[in-house]
Amino acid sequence: MALILLSQIRIVVNGCDGLEFLSARDVMEAMESLVQILYSDGFGFTLSETGLLQRTIMKAFNLPLKT
């Protein structure tokens, strides 16, 4: 199962401009530090702290980022 996941990460990363220099391990390490903070005291909004590399990875994998 893990080999299938790693293979899929490599396929997506190699097909995206700006990410072809990353390995699957680099992608997982970059996404490890993603921070999302949910305020639930009546406001109901989410703040995210992402860098350029994280936003590029999320766009390549079509992951939504609530801001």
N, C-alpha and C. Protein backbone atom coordinates (compact mmCIF):
# COMPACT_ATOMS: atom_id res chain seq x y z
N MET A 1 0.82 -1.18 0.00
CA MET A 1 0.00 0.00 0.00
C MET A 1 0.88 1.26 0.00
N ALA A 2 1.93 1.23 0.81
CA ALA A 2 2.81 2.39 0.88
C ALA A 2 3.53 2.64 -0.44
N LEU A 3 3.91 1.57 -1.14
CA LEU A 3 4.59 1.74 -2.43
C LEU A 3 3.66 2.35 -3.47
N ILE A 4 2.39 2.00 -3.42
CA ILE A 4 1.42 2.58 -4.34
C ILE A 4 1.27 4.07 -4.06
N LEU A 5 1.20 4.44 -2.79
CA LEU A 5 1.09 5.84 -2.41
C LEU A 5 2.32 6.63 -2.85
N LEU A 6 3.50 6.11 -2.59
CA LEU A 6 4.73 6.79 -2.99
C LEU A 6 4.82 6.93 -4.51
N SER A 7 4.41 5.89 -5.23
CA SER A 7 4.42 5.96 -6.68
C SER A 7 3.48 7.04 -7.19
N GLN A 8 2.31 7.15 -6.61
CA GLN A 8 1.35 8.17 -7.03
C GLN A 8 1.87 9.57 -6.72
N ILE A 9 2.52 9.74 -5.57
CA ILE A 9 3.11 11.04 -5.23
C ILE A 9 4.17 11.42 -6.26
N ARG A 10 5.02 10.47 -6.64
CA ARG A 10 6.05 10.74 -7.65
C ARG A 10 5.44 11.13 -8.99
N ILE A 11 4.37 10.44 -9.40
CA ILE A 11 3.73 10.74 -10.68
C ILE A 11 3.18 12.16 -10.69
N VAL A 12 2.49 12.55 -9.62
CA VAL A 12 1.91 13.89 -9.55
C VAL A 12 3.00 14.95 -9.51
N VAL A 13 4.03 14.73 -8.70
CA VAL A 13 5.10 15.71 -8.55
C VAL A 13 5.87 15.88 -9.86
N ASN A 14 6.16 14.79 -10.56
CA ASN A 14 6.90 14.89 -11.82
C ASN A 14 6.09 15.57 -12.91
N GLY A 15 4.77 15.56 -12.82
CA GLY A 15 3.93 16.19 -13.82
C GLY A 15 3.64 17.65 -13.55
N CYS A 16 4.12 18.18 -12.44
CA CYS A 16 3.82 19.57 -12.07
C CYS A 16 5.06 20.44 -12.23
N ASP A 17 4.89 21.58 -12.89
CA ASP A 17 6.00 22.53 -13.05
C ASP A 17 6.38 23.10 -11.68
N GLY A 18 7.64 23.15 -11.41
CA GLY A 18 8.14 23.72 -10.16
C GLY A 18 8.33 22.71 -9.05
N LEU A 19 7.83 21.49 -9.24
CA LEU A 19 7.98 20.48 -8.21
C LEU A 19 8.81 19.29 -8.65
N GLU A 20 9.23 19.27 -9.90
CA GLU A 20 9.93 18.10 -10.42
C GLU A 20 11.27 17.83 -9.72
N PHE A 21 11.78 18.80 -8.99
CA PHE A 21 13.04 18.61 -8.28
C PHE A 21 12.84 17.95 -6.91
N LEU A 22 11.59 17.76 -6.47
CA LEU A 22 11.30 17.19 -5.17
C LEU A 22 11.12 15.68 -5.24
N SER A 23 11.54 14.99 -4.20
CA SER A 23 11.25 13.56 -4.08
C SER A 23 9.96 13.41 -3.28
N ALA A 24 9.43 12.20 -3.21
CA ALA A 24 8.22 11.95 -2.45
C ALA A 24 8.46 12.28 -0.96
N ARG A 25 9.64 11.98 -0.48
CA ARG A 25 9.97 12.29 0.91
C ARG A 25 9.97 13.79 1.16
N ASP A 26 10.52 14.56 0.22
CA ASP A 26 10.54 16.02 0.36
C ASP A 26 9.12 16.59 0.40
N VAL A 27 8.23 16.03 -0.41
CA VAL A 27 6.84 16.49 -0.43
C VAL A 27 6.19 16.23 0.92
N MET A 28 6.37 15.03 1.46
CA MET A 28 5.76 14.71 2.75
C MET A 28 6.34 15.57 3.88
N GLU A 29 7.64 15.86 3.83
CA GLU A 29 8.26 16.71 4.84
C GLU A 29 7.76 18.15 4.74
N ALA A 30 7.56 18.63 3.53
CA ALA A 30 7.07 20.00 3.34
C ALA A 30 5.65 20.15 3.86
N MET A 31 4.83 19.12 3.68
CA MET A 31 3.44 19.20 4.10
C MET A 31 3.25 18.90 5.59
N GLU A 32 4.29 18.40 6.24
CA GLU A 32 4.19 18.07 7.66
C GLU A 32 3.98 19.32 8.50
N SER A 33 4.51 20.44 8.07
CA SER A 33 4.44 21.66 8.87
C SER A 33 3.25 22.55 8.52
N LEU A 34 2.30 22.04 7.75
CA LEU A 34 1.11 22.82 7.42
C LEU A 34 0.30 23.08 8.68
N VAL A 35 -0.08 24.33 8.88
CA VAL A 35 -0.81 24.72 10.08
C VAL A 35 -2.15 25.31 9.67
N GLN A 36 -3.22 24.78 10.27
CA GLN A 36 -4.54 25.38 10.10
C GLN A 36 -5.12 25.63 11.47
N ILE A 37 -5.67 26.82 11.67
CA ILE A 37 -6.25 27.20 12.95
C ILE A 37 -7.72 27.51 12.71
N LEU A 38 -8.59 26.86 13.46
CA LEU A 38 -10.03 27.06 13.33
C LEU A 38 -10.52 27.86 14.52
N TYR A 39 -11.13 29.00 14.25
CA TYR A 39 -11.74 29.80 15.29
C TYR A 39 -13.22 29.44 15.35
N SER A 40 -13.68 28.97 16.50
CA SER A 40 -15.06 28.51 16.59
C SER A 40 -15.88 29.32 17.59
N ASP A 41 -15.40 30.46 17.99
CA ASP A 41 -16.14 31.27 18.96
C ASP A 41 -17.11 32.23 18.27
N GLY A 42 -17.92 31.71 17.39
CA GLY A 42 -18.91 32.53 16.70
C GLY A 42 -18.46 33.03 15.35
N PHE A 43 -17.17 33.05 15.10
CA PHE A 43 -16.68 33.54 13.82
C PHE A 43 -16.72 32.45 12.76
N GLY A 44 -16.28 31.25 13.10
CA GLY A 44 -16.35 30.11 12.18
C GLY A 44 -15.48 30.24 10.96
N PHE A 45 -14.31 30.80 11.09
CA PHE A 45 -13.41 30.87 9.93
C PHE A 45 -12.09 30.18 10.24
N THR A 46 -11.35 29.86 9.20
CA THR A 46 -10.10 29.12 9.32
C THR A 46 -8.96 29.96 8.78
N LEU A 47 -7.86 29.99 9.50
CA LEU A 47 -6.65 30.64 9.03
C LEU A 47 -5.61 29.58 8.74
N SER A 48 -4.86 29.75 7.68
CA SER A 48 -3.82 28.79 7.31
C SER A 48 -2.50 29.53 7.13
N GLU A 49 -1.44 28.89 7.58
CA GLU A 49 -0.11 29.43 7.37
C GLU A 49 0.60 28.49 6.41
N THR A 50 0.72 28.90 5.16
CA THR A 50 1.37 28.07 4.16
C THR A 50 2.41 28.90 3.42
N GLY A 51 3.45 28.23 3.03
CA GLY A 51 4.48 28.85 2.22
C GLY A 51 4.20 28.61 0.75
N LEU A 52 5.01 29.18 -0.09
CA LEU A 52 4.83 29.03 -1.54
C LEU A 52 4.93 27.57 -1.96
N LEU A 53 5.90 26.84 -1.41
CA LEU A 53 6.07 25.43 -1.76
C LEU A 53 4.84 24.62 -1.35
N GLN A 54 4.31 24.86 -0.16
CA GLN A 54 3.13 24.13 0.29
C GLN A 54 1.92 24.43 -0.58
N ARG A 55 1.74 25.70 -0.96
CA ARG A 55 0.60 26.06 -1.83
C ARG A 55 0.74 25.40 -3.19
N THR A 56 1.97 25.31 -3.72
CA THR A 56 2.20 24.66 -5.00
C THR A 56 1.89 23.17 -4.91
N ILE A 57 2.30 22.53 -3.83
CA ILE A 57 2.02 21.10 -3.64
C ILE A 57 0.52 20.87 -3.52
N MET A 58 -0.16 21.70 -2.76
CA MET A 58 -1.60 21.54 -2.59
C MET A 58 -2.34 21.74 -3.91
N LYS A 59 -1.88 22.67 -4.72
CA LYS A 59 -2.50 22.89 -6.02
C LYS A 59 -2.28 21.68 -6.93
N ALA A 60 -1.08 21.09 -6.87
CA ALA A 60 -0.77 19.93 -7.72
C ALA A 60 -1.65 18.73 -7.37
N PHE A 61 -1.96 18.57 -6.08
CA PHE A 61 -2.78 17.46 -5.63
C PHE A 61 -4.26 17.80 -5.53
N ASN A 62 -4.64 19.00 -5.95
CA ASN A 62 -6.03 19.48 -5.90
C ASN A 62 -6.62 19.40 -4.49
N LEU A 63 -5.83 19.84 -3.51
CA LEU A 63 -6.30 19.86 -2.13
C LEU A 63 -6.84 21.26 -1.81
N PRO A 64 -8.02 21.33 -1.23
CA PRO A 64 -8.57 22.65 -0.90
C PRO A 64 -7.85 23.25 0.30
N LEU A 65 -7.65 24.55 0.28
CA LEU A 65 -7.03 25.26 1.37
C LEU A 65 -8.00 26.34 1.82
N LYS A 66 -8.57 26.16 2.98
CA LYS A 66 -9.51 27.16 3.51
C LYS A 66 -8.73 28.31 4.09
N THR A 67 -9.05 29.52 3.66
CA THR A 67 -8.37 30.69 4.21
C THR A 67 -9.39 31.68 4.68
